[in-house]
PDB file of N, CA and C in Angstrom:
ATOM      1  N   MET A   1       0.846  -1.179   0.000  1.00  0.00           N
ATOM      2  CA  MET A   1       0.000   0.000   0.000  1.00  0.00           C
ATOM      3  C   MET A   1       0.889   1.240   0.000  1.00  0.00           C
ATOM      4  N   THR A   2       0.641   2.135  -0.904  1.00  0.00           N
ATOM      5  CA  THR A   2       1.384   3.377  -0.992  1.00  0.00           C
ATOM      6  C   THR A   2       0.592   4.483  -0.301  1.00  0.00           C
ATOM      7  N   ILE A   3       1.276   5.309   0.479  1.00  0.00           N
ATOM      8  CA  ILE A   3       0.628   6.451   1.112  1.00  0.00           C
ATOM      9  C   ILE A   3       1.250   7.730   0.564  1.00  0.00           C
ATOM     10  N   SER A   4       0.551   8.822   0.746  1.00  0.00           N
ATOM     11  CA  SER A   4       1.069  10.107   0.282  1.00  0.00           C
ATOM     12  C   SER A   4       1.966  10.720   1.351  1.00  0.00           C
ATOM     13  N   TRP A   5       2.728  11.727   0.955  1.00  0.00           N
ATOM     14  CA  TRP A   5       3.565  12.469   1.905  1.00  0.00           C
ATOM     15  C   TRP A   5       2.680  13.087   2.985  1.00  0.00           C
ATOM     16  N   ASP A   6       1.511  13.608   2.592  1.00  0.00           N
ATOM     17  CA  ASP A   6       0.595  14.209   3.560  1.00  0.00           C
ATOM     18  C   ASP A   6       0.136  13.175   4.596  1.00  0.00           C
ATOM     19  N   ASP A   7      -0.106  11.933   4.144  1.00  0.00           N
ATOM     20  CA  ASP A   7      -0.483  10.869   5.085  1.00  0.00           C
ATOM     21  C   ASP A   7       0.627  10.652   6.107  1.00  0.00           C
ATOM     22  N   PHE A   8       1.865  10.559   5.633  1.00  0.00           N
ATOM     23  CA  PHE A   8       3.003  10.326   6.524  1.00  0.00           C
ATOM     24  C   PHE A   8       3.162  11.457   7.530  1.00  0.00           C
ATOM     25  N   GLN A   9       2.973  12.693   7.073  1.00  0.00           N
ATOM     26  CA  GLN A   9       3.149  13.841   7.956  1.00  0.00           C
ATOM     27  C   GLN A   9       2.112  13.889   9.072  1.00  0.00           C
ATOM     28  N   GLN A  10       1.026  13.165   8.925  1.00  0.00           N
ATOM     29  CA  GLN A  10       0.009  13.130   9.979  1.00  0.00           C
ATOM     30  C   GLN A  10       0.470  12.324  11.188  1.00  0.00           C
ATOM     31  N   VAL A  11       1.431  11.425  10.992  1.00  0.00           N
ATOM     32  CA  VAL A  11       1.967  10.624  12.098  1.00  0.00           C
ATOM     33  C   VAL A  11       3.035  11.457  12.793  1.00  0.00           C
ATOM     34  N   GLU A  12       2.794  11.791  14.050  1.00  0.00           N
ATOM     35  CA  GLU A  12       3.709  12.648  14.791  1.00  0.00           C
ATOM     36  C   GLU A  12       4.688  11.779  15.591  1.00  0.00           C
ATOM     37  N   LEU A  13       5.879  11.590  15.031  1.00  0.00           N
ATOM     38  CA  LEU A  13       6.930  10.812  15.679  1.00  0.00           C
ATOM     39  C   LEU A  13       7.869  11.778  16.388  1.00  0.00           C
ATOM     40  N   ARG A  14       7.999  11.604  17.698  1.00  0.00           N
ATOM     41  CA  ARG A  14       8.820  12.503  18.508  1.00  0.00           C
ATOM     42  C   ARG A  14       9.794  11.706  19.363  1.00  0.00           C
ATOM     43  N   VAL A  15      10.867  12.372  19.763  1.00  0.00           N
ATOM     44  CA  VAL A  15      11.847  11.784  20.675  1.00  0.00           C
ATOM     45  C   VAL A  15      11.497  12.174  22.101  1.00  0.00           C
ATOM     46  N   GLY A  16      11.615  11.207  22.992  1.00  0.00           N
ATOM     47  CA  GLY A  16      11.428  11.468  24.413  1.00  0.00           C
ATOM     48  C   GLY A  16      12.382  10.625  25.225  1.00  0.00           C
ATOM     49  N   THR A  17      12.568  11.008  26.470  1.00  0.00           N
ATOM     50  CA  THR A  17      13.433  10.260  27.382  1.00  0.00           C
ATOM     51  C   THR A  17      12.575   9.531  28.401  1.00  0.00           C
ATOM     52  N   ILE A  18      12.823   8.241  28.563  1.00  0.00           N
ATOM     53  CA  ILE A  18      12.094   7.456  29.559  1.00  0.00           C
ATOM     54  C   ILE A  18      12.543   7.916  30.944  1.00  0.00           C
ATOM     55  N   VAL A  19      11.587   8.363  31.749  1.00  0.00           N
ATOM     56  CA  VAL A  19      11.904   8.859  33.090  1.00  0.00           C
ATOM     57  C   VAL A  19      11.450   7.887  34.178  1.00  0.00           C
ATOM     58  N   ALA A  20      10.593   6.925  33.824  1.00  0.00           N
ATOM     59  CA  ALA A  20      10.152   5.912  34.793  1.00  0.00           C
ATOM     60  C   ALA A  20       9.743   4.665  34.030  1.00  0.00           C
ATOM     61  N   ALA A  21      10.057   3.507  34.612  1.00  0.00           N
ATOM     62  CA  ALA A  21       9.673   2.218  34.048  1.00  0.00           C
ATOM     63  C   ALA A  21       9.396   1.276  35.210  1.00  0.00           C
ATOM     64  N   GLU A  22       8.268   0.578  35.130  1.00  0.00           N
ATOM     65  CA  GLU A  22       7.900  -0.340  36.203  1.00  0.00           C
ATOM     66  C   GLU A  22       7.139  -1.527  35.632  1.00  0.00           C
ATOM     67  N   PRO A  23       7.077  -2.613  36.378  1.00  0.00           N
ATOM     68  CA  PRO A  23       6.346  -3.793  35.910  1.00  0.00           C
ATOM     69  C   PRO A  23       4.875  -3.486  35.651  1.00  0.00           C
ATOM     70  N   PHE A  24       4.290  -4.250  34.743  1.00  0.00           N
ATOM     71  CA  PHE A  24       2.872  -4.124  34.402  1.00  0.00           C
ATOM     72  C   PHE A  24       2.255  -5.519  34.483  1.00  0.00           C
ATOM     73  N   PRO A  25       2.075  -6.046  35.701  1.00  0.00           N
ATOM     74  CA  PRO A  25       1.617  -7.424  35.858  1.00  0.00           C
ATOM     75  C   PRO A  25       0.207  -7.673  35.320  1.00  0.00           C
ATOM     76  N   GLU A  26      -0.618  -6.630  35.185  1.00  0.00           N
ATOM     77  CA  GLU A  26      -1.976  -6.812  34.687  1.00  0.00           C
ATOM     78  C   GLU A  26      -2.044  -6.974  33.171  1.00  0.00           C
ATOM     79  N   ALA A  27      -0.976  -6.668  32.457  1.00  0.00           N
ATOM     80  CA  ALA A  27      -0.974  -6.757  30.995  1.00  0.00           C
ATOM     81  C   ALA A  27      -1.121  -8.210  30.549  1.00  0.00           C
ATOM     82  N   ARG A  28      -1.831  -8.411  29.429  1.00  0.00           N
ATOM     83  CA  ARG A  28      -2.019  -9.771  28.891  1.00  0.00           C
ATOM     84  C   ARG A  28      -0.693 -10.375  28.426  1.00  0.00           C
ATOM     85  N   LYS A  29       0.148  -9.554  27.793  1.00  0.00           N
ATOM     86  CA  LYS A  29       1.486  -9.982  27.381  1.00  0.00           C
ATOM     87  C   LYS A  29       2.480  -9.240  28.259  1.00  0.00           C
ATOM     88  N   PRO A  30       3.625  -9.836  28.574  1.00  0.00           N
ATOM     89  CA  PRO A  30       4.606  -9.165  29.440  1.00  0.00           C
ATOM     90  C   PRO A  30       4.962  -7.772  28.906  1.00  0.00           C
ATOM     91  N   ALA A  31       4.897  -6.772  29.789  1.00  0.00           N
ATOM     92  CA  ALA A  31       5.130  -5.396  29.381  1.00  0.00           C
ATOM     93  C   ALA A  31       5.629  -4.574  30.564  1.00  0.00           C
ATOM     94  N   TRP A  32       6.162  -3.400  30.233  1.00  0.00           N
ATOM     95  CA  TRP A  32       6.549  -2.402  31.230  1.00  0.00           C
ATOM     96  C   TRP A  32       5.614  -1.210  31.097  1.00  0.00           C
ATOM     97  N   LYS A  33       5.331  -0.553  32.212  1.00  0.00           N
ATOM     98  CA  LYS A  33       4.670   0.747  32.205  1.00  0.00           C
ATOM     99  C   LYS A  33       5.773   1.788  32.108  1.00  0.00           C
ATOM    100  N   LEU A  34       5.681   2.656  31.112  1.00  0.00           N
ATOM    101  CA  LEU A  34       6.701   3.673  30.909  1.00  0.00           C
ATOM    102  C   LEU A  34       6.109   5.069  31.055  1.00  0.00           C
ATOM    103  N   GLN A  35       6.936   5.999  31.519  1.00  0.00           N
ATOM    104  CA  GLN A  35       6.629   7.421  31.467  1.00  0.00           C
ATOM    105  C   GLN A  35       7.754   8.062  30.670  1.00  0.00           C
ATOM    106  N   VAL A  36       7.367   8.786  29.622  1.00  0.00           N
ATOM    107  CA  VAL A  36       8.334   9.339  28.677  1.00  0.00           C
ATOM    108  C   VAL A  36       8.193  10.863  28.638  1.00  0.00           C
ATOM    109  N   ASP A  37       9.315  11.557  28.835  1.00  0.00           N
ATOM    110  CA  ASP A  37       9.337  13.017  28.825  1.00  0.00           C
ATOM    111  C   ASP A  37       9.587  13.511  27.410  1.00  0.00           C
ATOM    112  N   PHE A  38       8.590  14.225  26.849  1.00  0.00           N
ATOM    113  CA  PHE A  38       8.697  14.778  25.506  1.00  0.00           C
ATOM    114  C   PHE A  38       8.951  16.282  25.506  1.00  0.00           C
ATOM    115  N   GLY A  39       9.459  16.811  26.615  1.00  0.00           N
ATOM    116  CA  GLY A  39       9.813  18.223  26.678  1.00  0.00           C
ATOM    117  C   GLY A  39       8.640  19.108  27.063  1.00  0.00           C
ATOM    118  N   ALA A  40       8.902  20.403  27.061  1.00  0.00           N
ATOM    119  CA  ALA A  40       7.944  21.388  27.574  1.00  0.00           C
ATOM    120  C   ALA A  40       6.626  21.399  26.803  1.00  0.00           C
ATOM    121  N   GLU A  41       6.664  21.227  25.502  1.00  0.00           N
ATOM    122  CA  GLU A  41       5.446  21.325  24.687  1.00  0.00           C
ATOM    123  C   GLU A  41       4.462  20.186  24.976  1.00  0.00           C
ATOM    124  N   LEU A  42       4.959  18.961  25.092  1.00  0.00           N
ATOM    125  CA  LEU A  42       4.090  17.791  25.250  1.00  0.00           C
ATOM    126  C   LEU A  42       4.091  17.218  26.666  1.00  0.00           C
ATOM    127  N   GLY A  43       5.146  17.473  27.424  1.00  0.00           N
ATOM    128  CA  GLY A  43       5.227  16.958  28.786  1.00  0.00           C
ATOM    129  C   GLY A  43       5.501  15.469  28.839  1.00  0.00           C
ATOM    130  N   ILE A  44       5.086  14.855  29.946  1.00  0.00           N
ATOM    131  CA  ILE A  44       5.310  13.426  30.165  1.00  0.00           C
ATOM    132  C   ILE A  44       4.068  12.657  29.738  1.00  0.00           C
ATOM    133  N   LYS A  45       4.293  11.627  28.924  1.00  0.00           N
ATOM    134  CA  LYS A  45       3.206  10.759  28.458  1.00  0.00           C
ATOM    135  C   LYS A  45       3.483   9.332  28.915  1.00  0.00           C
ATOM    136  N   LYS A  46       2.401   8.585  29.131  1.00  0.00           N
ATOM    137  CA  LYS A  46       2.510   7.198  29.582  1.00  0.00           C
ATOM    138  C   LYS A  46       2.384   6.247  28.394  1.00  0.00           C
ATOM    139  N   SER A  47       3.032   5.093  28.521  1.00  0.00           N
ATOM    140  CA  SER A  47       2.950   4.058  27.492  1.00  0.00           C
ATOM    141  C   SER A  47       3.092   2.695  28.134  1.00  0.00           C
ATOM    142  N   SER A  48       2.515   1.704  27.494  1.00  0.00           N
ATOM    143  CA  SER A  48       2.751   0.310  27.841  1.00  0.00           C
ATOM    144  C   SER A  48       3.592  -0.270  26.716  1.00  0.00           C
ATOM    145  N   ALA A  49       4.695  -0.928  27.059  1.00  0.00           N
ATOM    146  CA  ALA A  49       5.600  -1.409  26.023  1.00  0.00           C
ATOM    147  C   ALA A  49       6.037  -2.849  26.296  1.00  0.00           C
ATOM    148  N   GLN A  50       5.882  -3.697  25.294  1.00  0.00           N
ATOM    149  CA  GLN A  50       6.261  -5.111  25.405  1.00  0.00           C
ATOM    150  C   GLN A  50       7.751  -5.270  25.108  1.00  0.00           C
ATOM    151  N   LEU A  51       8.545  -4.822  26.068  1.00  0.00           N
ATOM    152  CA  LEU A  51      10.005  -4.794  25.911  1.00  0.00           C
ATOM    153  C   LEU A  51      10.716  -5.684  26.920  1.00  0.00           C
ATOM    154  N   THR A  52       9.984  -6.552  27.598  1.00  0.00           N
ATOM    155  CA  THR A  52      10.552  -7.286  28.733  1.00  0.00           C
ATOM    156  C   THR A  52      11.619  -8.299  28.337  1.00  0.00           C
ATOM    157  N   ALA A  53      11.628  -8.753  27.091  1.00  0.00           N
ATOM    158  CA  ALA A  53      12.606  -9.763  26.688  1.00  0.00           C
ATOM    159  C   ALA A  53      14.031  -9.205  26.661  1.00  0.00           C
ATOM    160  N   LEU A  54      14.179  -7.937  26.309  1.00  0.00           N
ATOM    161  CA  LEU A  54      15.515  -7.369  26.125  1.00  0.00           C
ATOM    162  C   LEU A  54      15.874  -6.245  27.085  1.00  0.00           C
ATOM    163  N   TYR A  55      14.888  -5.684  27.780  1.00  0.00           N
ATOM    164  CA  TYR A  55      15.140  -4.509  28.610  1.00  0.00           C
ATOM    165  C   TYR A  55      14.540  -4.681  29.998  1.00  0.00           C
ATOM    166  N   SER A  56      15.251  -4.180  30.992  1.00  0.00           N
ATOM    167  CA  SER A  56      14.735  -4.114  32.361  1.00  0.00           C
ATOM    168  C   SER A  56      14.417  -2.650  32.652  1.00  0.00           C
ATOM    169  N   PRO A  57      13.627  -2.377  33.687  1.00  0.00           N
ATOM    170  CA  PRO A  57      13.366  -0.971  34.019  1.00  0.00           C
ATOM    171  C   PRO A  57      14.656  -0.166  34.198  1.00  0.00           C
ATOM    172  N   ASP A  58      15.657  -0.757  34.825  1.00  0.00           N
ATOM    173  CA  ASP A  58      16.928  -0.048  35.047  1.00  0.00           C
ATOM    174  C   ASP A  58      17.625   0.332  33.749  1.00  0.00           C
ATOM    175  N   THR A  59      17.505  -0.510  32.711  1.00  0.00           N
ATOM    176  CA  THR A  59      18.169  -0.200  31.438  1.00  0.00           C
ATOM    177  C   THR A  59      17.335   0.724  30.575  1.00  0.00           C
ATOM    178  N   LEU A  60      16.060   0.902  30.905  1.00  0.00           N
ATOM    179  CA  LEU A  60      15.196   1.782  30.123  1.00  0.00           C
ATOM    180  C   LEU A  60      15.246   3.238  30.588  1.00  0.00           C
ATOM    181  N   VAL A  61      15.291   3.459  31.894  1.00  0.00           N
ATOM    182  CA  VAL A  61      15.260   4.821  32.427  1.00  0.00           C
ATOM    183  C   VAL A  61      16.494   5.591  31.939  1.00  0.00           C
ATOM    184  N   GLY A  62      16.249   6.766  31.383  1.00  0.00           N
ATOM    185  CA  GLY A  62      17.320   7.600  30.849  1.00  0.00           C
ATOM    186  C   GLY A  62      17.560   7.414  29.367  1.00  0.00           C
ATOM    187  N   ARG A  63      16.936   6.427  28.777  1.00  0.00           N
ATOM    188  CA  ARG A  63      17.122   6.131  27.350  1.00  0.00           C
ATOM    189  C   ARG A  63      16.162   6.964  26.506  1.00  0.00           C
ATOM    190  N   GLN A  64      16.659   7.526  25.406  1.00  0.00           N
ATOM    191  CA  GLN A  64      15.777   8.235  24.479  1.00  0.00           C
ATOM    192  C   GLN A  64      15.132   7.224  23.535  1.00  0.00           C
ATOM    193  N   VAL A  65      13.849   7.470  23.216  1.00  0.00           N
ATOM    194  CA  VAL A  65      13.084   6.600  22.330  1.00  0.00           C
ATOM    195  C   VAL A  65      12.323   7.442  21.324  1.00  0.00           C
ATOM    196  N   ILE A  66      11.857   6.783  20.277  1.00  0.00           N
ATOM    197  CA  ILE A  66      11.012   7.423  19.278  1.00  0.00           C
ATOM    198  C   ILE A  66       9.596   6.891  19.484  1.00  0.00           C
ATOM    199  N   ALA A  67       8.625   7.803  19.552  1.00  0.00           N
ATOM    200  CA  ALA A  67       7.251   7.391  19.821  1.00  0.00           C
ATOM    201  C   ALA A  67       6.263   8.175  18.967  1.00  0.00           C
ATOM    202  N   VAL A  68       5.134   7.536  18.684  1.00  0.00           N
ATOM    203  CA  VAL A  68       4.005   8.221  18.057  1.00  0.00           C
ATOM    204  C   VAL A  68       3.236   8.887  19.188  1.00  0.00           C
ATOM    205  N   VAL A  69       3.056  10.205  19.093  1.00  0.00           N
ATOM    206  CA  VAL A  69       2.422  10.937  20.193  1.00  0.00           C
ATOM    207  C   VAL A  69       1.030  11.460  19.861  1.00  0.00           C
ATOM    208  N   ASN A  70       0.531  11.202  18.646  1.00  0.00           N
ATOM    209  CA  ASN A  70      -0.788  11.735  18.302  1.00  0.00           C
ATOM    210  C   ASN A  70      -1.843  10.662  18.040  1.00  0.00           C
ATOM    211  N   PHE A  71      -1.651   9.457  18.576  1.00  0.00           N
ATOM    212  CA  PHE A  71      -2.734   8.478  18.617  1.00  0.00           C
ATOM    213  C   PHE A  71      -3.653   8.860  19.769  1.00  0.00           C
ATOM    214  N   PRO A  72      -4.931   8.480  19.705  1.00  0.00           N
ATOM    215  CA  PRO A  72      -5.780   8.718  20.874  1.00  0.00           C
ATOM    216  C   PRO A  72      -5.326   7.828  22.031  1.00  0.00           C
ATOM    217  N   PRO A  73      -5.547   8.264  23.277  1.00  0.00           N
ATOM    218  CA  PRO A  73      -5.189   7.410  24.422  1.00  0.00           C
ATOM    219  C   PRO A  73      -5.903   6.060  24.326  1.00  0.00           C
ATOM    220  N   LYS A  74      -5.228   5.021  24.823  1.00  0.00           N
ATOM    221  CA  LYS A  74      -5.780   3.662  24.767  1.00  0.00           C
ATOM    222  C   LYS A  74      -5.715   3.043  26.154  1.00  0.00           C
ATOM    223  N   GLN A  75      -6.838   2.565  26.627  1.00  0.00           N
ATOM    224  CA  GLN A  75      -6.901   1.905  27.931  1.00  0.00           C
ATOM    225  C   GLN A  75      -6.328   0.505  27.808  1.00  0.00           C
ATOM    226  N   ILE A  76      -5.304   0.213  28.607  1.00  0.00           N
ATOM    227  CA  ILE A  76      -4.701  -1.121  28.642  1.00  0.00           C
ATOM    228  C   ILE A  76      -4.747  -1.560  30.090  1.00  0.00           C
ATOM    229  N   GLY A  77      -5.718  -2.406  30.425  1.00  0.00           N
ATOM    230  CA  GLY A  77      -5.934  -2.755  31.826  1.00  0.00           C
ATOM    231  C   GLY A  77      -6.309  -1.495  32.583  1.00  0.00           C
ATOM    232  N   ARG A  78      -5.630  -1.252  33.678  1.00  0.00           N
ATOM    233  CA  ARG A  78      -5.874  -0.033  34.457  1.00  0.00           C
ATOM    234  C   ARG A  78      -4.969   1.126  34.042  1.00  0.00           C
ATOM    235  N   TRP A  79      -4.186   0.944  33.002  1.00  0.00           N
ATOM    236  CA  TRP A  79      -3.193   1.928  32.560  1.00  0.00           C
ATOM    237  C   TRP A  79      -3.673   2.585  31.277  1.00  0.00           C
ATOM    238  N   MET A  80      -3.634   3.909  31.221  1.00  0.00           N
ATOM    239  CA  MET A  80      -4.010   4.648  30.015  1.00  0.00           C
ATOM    240  C   MET A  80      -2.739   4.971  29.234  1.00  0.00           C
ATOM    241  N   SER A  81      -2.581   4.319  28.089  1.00  0.00           N
ATOM    242  CA  SER A  81      -1.417   4.552  27.245  1.00  0.00           C
ATOM    243  C   SER A  81      -1.672   5.781  26.386  1.00  0.00           C
ATOM    244  N   GLU A  82      -0.726   6.732  26.402  1.00  0.00           N
ATOM    245  CA  GLU A  82      -0.891   8.009  25.708  1.00  0.00           C
ATOM    246  C   GLU A  82       0.033   8.176  24.513  1.00  0.00           C
ATOM    247  N   CYS A  83       0.933   7.236  24.310  1.00  0.00           N
ATOM    248  CA  CYS A  83       1.833   7.283  23.156  1.00  0.00           C
ATOM    249  C   CYS A  83       2.255   5.855  22.831  1.00  0.00           C
ATOM    250  N   LEU A  84       2.807   5.675  21.637  1.00  0.00           N
ATOM    251  CA  LEU A  84       3.274   4.359  21.197  1.00  0.00           C
ATOM    252  C   LEU A  84       4.782   4.414  21.000  1.00  0.00           C
ATOM    253  N   VAL A  85       5.512   3.774  21.899  1.00  0.00           N
ATOM    254  CA  VAL A  85       6.967   3.677  21.776  1.00  0.00           C
ATOM    255  C   VAL A  85       7.254   2.684  20.651  1.00  0.00           C
ATOM    256  N   THR A  86       8.141   3.055  19.730  1.00  0.00           N
ATOM    257  CA  THR A  86       8.367   2.241  18.538  1.00  0.00           C
ATOM    258  C   THR A  86       9.566   1.306  18.694  1.00  0.00           C
ATOM    259  N   GLY A  87       9.529   0.226  17.935  1.00  0.00           N
ATOM    260  CA  GLY A  87      10.611  -0.743  17.930  1.00  0.00           C
ATOM    261  C   GLY A  87      10.446  -1.704  16.766  1.00  0.00           C
ATOM    262  N   PHE A  88      11.364  -2.636  16.691  1.00  0.00           N
ATOM    263  CA  PHE A  88      11.382  -3.620  15.614  1.00  0.00           C
ATOM    264  C   PHE A  88      11.375  -5.020  16.201  1.00  0.00           C
ATOM    265  N   TYR A  89      10.590  -5.929  15.595  1.00  0.00           N
ATOM    266  CA  TYR A  89      10.575  -7.319  16.036  1.00  0.00           C
ATOM    267  C   TYR A  89      11.786  -8.058  15.484  1.00  0.00           C
ATOM    268  N   ARG A  90      12.448  -8.814  16.369  1.00  0.00           N
ATOM    269  CA  ARG A  90      13.489  -9.735  15.918  1.00  0.00           C
ATOM    270  C   ARG A  90      12.811 -11.034  15.502  1.00  0.00           C
ATOM    271  N   GLU A  91      13.585 -11.951  14.912  1.00  0.00           N
ATOM    272  CA  GLU A  91      13.037 -13.239  14.497  1.00  0.00           C
ATOM    273  C   GLU A  91      12.462 -14.028  15.664  1.00  0.00           C
ATOM    274  N   ASP A  92      13.016 -13.831  16.876  1.00  0.00           N
ATOM    275  CA  ASP A  92      12.525 -14.563  18.049  1.00  0.00           C
ATOM    276  C   ASP A  92      11.334 -13.880  18.714  1.00  0.00           C
ATOM    277  N   GLY A  93      10.855 -12.766  18.139  1.00  0.00           N
ATOM    278  CA  GLY A  93       9.696 -12.067  18.671  1.00  0.00           C
ATOM    279  C   GLY A  93      10.027 -10.959  19.651  1.00  0.00           C
ATOM    280  N   ALA A  94      11.268 -10.859  20.095  1.00  0.00           N
ATOM    281  CA  ALA A  94      11.661  -9.785  21.009  1.00  0.00           C
ATOM    282  C   ALA A  94      11.637  -8.450  20.262  1.00  0.00           C
ATOM    283  N   VAL A  95      11.315  -7.382  20.993  1.00  0.00           N
ATOM    284  CA  VAL A  95      11.247  -6.051  20.399  1.00  0.00           C
ATOM    285  C   VAL A  95      12.515  -5.274  20.750  1.00  0.00           C
ATOM    286  N   VAL A  96      13.152  -4.713  19.710  1.00  0.00           N
ATOM    287  CA  VAL A  96      14.322  -3.854  19.850  1.00  0.00           C
ATOM    288  C   VAL A  96      13.846  -2.418  19.641  1.00  0.00           C
ATOM    289  N   LEU A  97      14.147  -1.542  20.586  1.00  0.00           N
ATOM    290  CA  LEU A  97      13.703  -0.149  20.499  1.00  0.00           C
ATOM    291  C   LEU A  97      14.248   0.564  19.267  1.00  0.00           C
ATOM    292  N   ALA A  98      13.414   1.438  18.690  1.00  0.00           N
ATOM    293  CA  ALA A  98      13.860   2.379  17.659  1.00  0.00           C
ATOM    294  C   ALA A  98      14.320   3.632  18.409  1.00  0.00           C
ATOM    295  N   VAL A  99      15.584   3.991  18.247  1.00  0.00           N
ATOM    296  CA  VAL A  99      16.161   5.092  19.018  1.00  0.00           C
ATOM    297  C   VAL A  99      17.017   5.982  18.119  1.00  0.00           C
ATOM    298  N   PRO A 100      17.176   7.267  18.489  1.00  0.00           N
ATOM    299  CA  PRO A 100      18.129   8.103  17.752  1.00  0.00           C
ATOM    300  C   PRO A 100      19.549   7.646  18.064  1.00  0.00           C
ATOM    301  N   ASP A 101      20.480   7.801  17.118  1.00  0.00           N
ATOM    302  CA  ASP A 101      21.834   7.314  17.389  1.00  0.00           C
ATOM    303  C   ASP A 101      22.713   8.342  18.089  1.00  0.00           C
ATOM    304  N   SER A 102      22.182   9.532  18.343  1.00  0.00           N
ATOM    305  CA  SER A 102      22.831  10.480  19.236  1.00  0.00           C
ATOM    306  C   SER A 102      21.735  11.325  19.887  1.00  0.00           C
ATOM    307  N   ALA A 103      22.076  11.975  20.996  1.00  0.00           N
ATOM    308  CA  ALA A 103      21.086  12.719  21.779  1.00  0.00           C
ATOM    309  C   ALA A 103      20.506  13.887  20.986  1.00  0.00           C
ATOM    310  N   VAL A 104      19.202  14.052  21.112  1.00  0.00           N
ATOM    311  CA  VAL A 104      18.494  15.194  20.540  1.00  0.00           C
ATOM    312  C   VAL A 104      17.545  15.729  21.607  1.00  0.00           C
ATOM    313  N   PRO A 105      17.066  16.972  21.459  1.00  0.00           N
ATOM    314  CA  PRO A 105      16.176  17.515  22.488  1.00  0.00           C
ATOM    315  C   PRO A 105      14.871  16.721  22.580  1.00  0.00           C
ATOM    316  N   ASN A 106      14.401  16.506  23.812  1.00  0.00           N
ATOM    317  CA  ASN A 106      13.107  15.859  23.989  1.00  0.00           C
ATOM    318  C   ASN A 106      12.039  16.652  23.258  1.00  0.00           C
ATOM    319  N   GLY A 107      11.178  15.947  22.552  1.00  0.00           N
ATOM    320  CA  GLY A 107      10.111  16.585  21.789  1.00  0.00           C
ATOM    321  C   GLY A 107      10.463  16.815  20.337  1.00  0.00           C
ATOM    322  N   ALA A 108      11.740  16.615  19.951  1.00  0.00           N
ATOM    323  CA  ALA A 108      12.123  16.807  18.555  1.00  0.00           C
ATOM    324  C   ALA A 108      11.305  15.882  17.679  1.00  0.00           C
ATOM    325  N   ARG A 109      10.831  16.419  16.554  1.00  0.00           N
ATOM    326  CA  ARG A 109       9.995  15.656  15.630  1.00  0.00           C
ATOM    327  C   ARG A 109      10.859  14.996  14.566  1.00  0.00           C
ATOM    328  N   LEU A 110      10.477  13.780  14.175  1.00  0.00           N
ATOM    329  CA  LEU A 110      11.194  13.074  13.109  1.00  0.00           C
ATOM    330  C   LEU A 110      11.155  13.915  11.854  1.00  0.00           C
ATOM    331  N   ALA A 111      12.320  14.112  11.239  1.00  0.00           N
ATOM    332  CA  ALA A 111      12.410  14.947  10.043  1.00  0.00           C
ATOM    333  C   ALA A 111      12.235  14.107   8.797  1.00  0.00           C
TER     334      ALA A 111
END
C-alpha cells in the first residue's frame, strides 16, 4: 500500500526520554509501564511497552526513544497509554527499540 507524503506527515513521531519504568503485571502480554518526557510542549506521556525480553526498568530509564504521540489514548488494563513507543521485532519475537543514534532535544519531531 502506498501512502502520500501528507499521510506520513500526519503521524507525529517525537523523541522522548524514559523517566520511569515499572512492571505491568496486569498486561495480557509481558510489558513495562513507561513514562516518557517529551519536553515542555508535550510533557510526560505514559505508554505500555512489550520490551521485557531485552530490557529491564533499570536499562530503560534515561534512554531516548522514538514514539508516536498523536494516537488517541488507549486503555490497557488499568493503565491509560498516551503514546506508542516504537521498535522492531526480531526473528525470536523480542522487540528492539527504535532510538536516535545520538542525543536530541526531547520533543524533537522526526524529520
